[in-house]
């Protein structure tokens, strides 16, 4: 699957990853929660917002970007 071409697509992918993280945190599965904390939370902490509440794309590190894109690709499986 190709990478996102626009800022809108990149933000969309990141919000998919955020929703997935939230779903995992609300689950009763302790292993799933531990995995999400280990793999995602440290990268989410680095993501910042601009004053107009849009995501500052420059603060998204490579691991979060790859995970976000993967969430988009998984919609088609």
C-alpha atoms as a PDB file:
ATOM      1  CA  UNK A   1       0.000   0.000   0.000  1.00  0.00           C
ATOM      2  CA  UNK A   2       1.292   3.465  -0.794  1.00  0.00           C
ATOM      3  CA  UNK A   3       2.100   5.975   1.943  1.00  0.00           C
ATOM      4  CA  UNK A   4      -0.287   8.897   2.520  1.00  0.00           C
ATOM      5  CA  UNK A   5      -0.037  11.629  -0.079  1.00  0.00           C
ATOM      6  CA  UNK A   6      -1.543  14.516   1.873  1.00  0.00           C
ATOM      7  CA  UNK A   7      -1.484  15.922   5.374  1.00  0.00           C
ATOM      8  CA  UNK A   8      -5.155  15.030   5.701  1.00  0.00           C
ATOM      9  CA  UNK A   9      -4.409  11.355   4.973  1.00  0.00           C
ATOM     10  CA  UNK A  10      -1.527  11.367   7.470  1.00  0.00           C
ATOM     11  CA  UNK A  11      -3.719  12.863  10.202  1.00  0.00           C
ATOM     12  CA  UNK A  12      -6.464  10.364   9.379  1.00  0.00           C
ATOM     13  CA  UNK A  13      -4.035   7.461   9.769  1.00  0.00           C
ATOM     14  CA  UNK A  14      -2.761   8.792  13.087  1.00  0.00           C
ATOM     15  CA  UNK A  15      -6.304   9.128  14.429  1.00  0.00           C
ATOM     16  CA  UNK A  16      -6.930   5.498  13.419  1.00  0.00           C
ATOM     17  CA  UNK A  17      -3.931   4.494  15.539  1.00  0.00           C
ATOM     18  CA  UNK A  18      -5.232   6.632  18.424  1.00  0.00           C
ATOM     19  CA  UNK A  19      -8.646   4.969  18.225  1.00  0.00           C
ATOM     20  CA  UNK A  20      -7.010   1.532  18.197  1.00  0.00           C
ATOM     21  CA  UNK A  21      -4.924   2.460  21.241  1.00  0.00           C
ATOM     22  CA  UNK A  22      -8.035   3.675  23.072  1.00  0.00           C
ATOM     23  CA  UNK A  23      -9.877   0.446  22.199  1.00  0.00           C
ATOM     24  CA  UNK A  24      -7.005  -1.605  23.593  1.00  0.00           C
ATOM     25  CA  UNK A  25      -6.919   0.422  26.815  1.00  0.00           C
ATOM     26  CA  UNK A  26     -10.657  -0.097  27.333  1.00  0.00           C
ATOM     27  CA  UNK A  27     -10.421  -3.856  26.798  1.00  0.00           C
ATOM     28  CA  UNK A  28     -10.292  -6.349  29.631  1.00  0.00           C
ATOM     29  CA  UNK A  29      -7.304  -8.152  28.086  1.00  0.00           C
ATOM     30  CA  UNK A  30      -4.271  -7.445  30.284  1.00  0.00           C
ATOM     31  CA  UNK A  31      -1.792  -8.734  27.669  1.00  0.00           C
ATOM     32  CA  UNK A  32      -3.276  -6.462  25.011  1.00  0.00           C
ATOM     33  CA  UNK A  33      -3.025  -3.471  27.342  1.00  0.00           C
ATOM     34  CA  UNK A  34       0.598  -4.245  28.242  1.00  0.00           C
ATOM     35  CA  UNK A  35       1.513  -4.628  24.573  1.00  0.00           C
ATOM     36  CA  UNK A  36      -0.148  -1.321  23.671  1.00  0.00           C
ATOM     37  CA  UNK A  37       1.647   0.457  26.504  1.00  0.00           C
ATOM     38  CA  UNK A  38       4.979  -1.045  25.486  1.00  0.00           C
ATOM     39  CA  UNK A  39       4.660  -0.420  21.752  1.00  0.00           C
ATOM     40  CA  UNK A  40       2.608   2.750  21.405  1.00  0.00           C
ATOM     41  CA  UNK A  41       2.435   5.082  24.386  1.00  0.00           C
ATOM     42  CA  UNK A  42       6.030   6.335  24.274  1.00  0.00           C
ATOM     43  CA  UNK A  43       5.588   7.347  20.633  1.00  0.00           C
ATOM     44  CA  UNK A  44       2.204   8.976  21.234  1.00  0.00           C
ATOM     45  CA  UNK A  45       3.700  11.139  23.984  1.00  0.00           C
ATOM     46  CA  UNK A  46       5.933  12.810  21.395  1.00  0.00           C
ATOM     47  CA  UNK A  47       3.057  13.854  19.114  1.00  0.00           C
ATOM     48  CA  UNK A  48       2.170  17.527  19.600  1.00  0.00           C
ATOM     49  CA  UNK A  49      -0.648  19.715  18.371  1.00  0.00           C
ATOM     50  CA  UNK A  50      -0.502  23.115  16.715  1.00  0.00           C
ATOM     51  CA  UNK A  51      -2.418  26.080  18.213  1.00  0.00           C
ATOM     52  CA  UNK A  52      -5.316  25.417  15.819  1.00  0.00           C
ATOM     53  CA  UNK A  53      -5.560  21.832  17.225  1.00  0.00           C
ATOM     54  CA  UNK A  54      -4.155  20.084  14.167  1.00  0.00           C
ATOM     55  CA  UNK A  55      -1.433  17.499  14.576  1.00  0.00           C
ATOM     56  CA  UNK A  56       2.094  18.843  14.210  1.00  0.00           C
ATOM     57  CA  UNK A  57       3.265  16.382  11.563  1.00  0.00           C
ATOM     58  CA  UNK A  58       6.917  17.131  12.309  1.00  0.00           C
ATOM     59  CA  UNK A  59       6.528  15.588  15.793  1.00  0.00           C
ATOM     60  CA  UNK A  60       5.370  12.183  14.502  1.00  0.00           C
ATOM     61  CA  UNK A  61       8.332   9.827  14.707  1.00  0.00           C
ATOM     62  CA  UNK A  62       8.931   6.997  12.255  1.00  0.00           C
ATOM     63  CA  UNK A  63       7.547   4.250  14.499  1.00  0.00           C
ATOM     64  CA  UNK A  64       4.249   6.088  15.030  1.00  0.00           C
ATOM     65  CA  UNK A  65       4.026   6.911  11.329  1.00  0.00           C
ATOM     66  CA  UNK A  66       4.543   3.266  10.361  1.00  0.00           C
ATOM     67  CA  UNK A  67       2.011   2.068  12.918  1.00  0.00           C
ATOM     68  CA  UNK A  68      -0.515   4.651  11.719  1.00  0.00           C
ATOM     69  CA  UNK A  69      -0.078   3.646   8.093  1.00  0.00           C
ATOM     70  CA  UNK A  70      -0.440  -0.015   9.060  1.00  0.00           C
ATOM     71  CA  UNK A  71      -3.804   0.755  10.692  1.00  0.00           C
ATOM     72  CA  UNK A  72      -5.003   2.232   7.396  1.00  0.00           C
ATOM     73  CA  UNK A  73      -3.754  -0.766   5.418  1.00  0.00           C
ATOM     74  CA  UNK A  74      -5.453  -3.231   7.773  1.00  0.00           C
ATOM     75  CA  UNK A  75      -8.837  -1.788   6.811  1.00  0.00           C
ATOM     76  CA  UNK A  76      -8.469  -3.523   3.436  1.00  0.00           C
ATOM     77  CA  UNK A  77      -7.619  -7.005   4.766  1.00  0.00           C
END
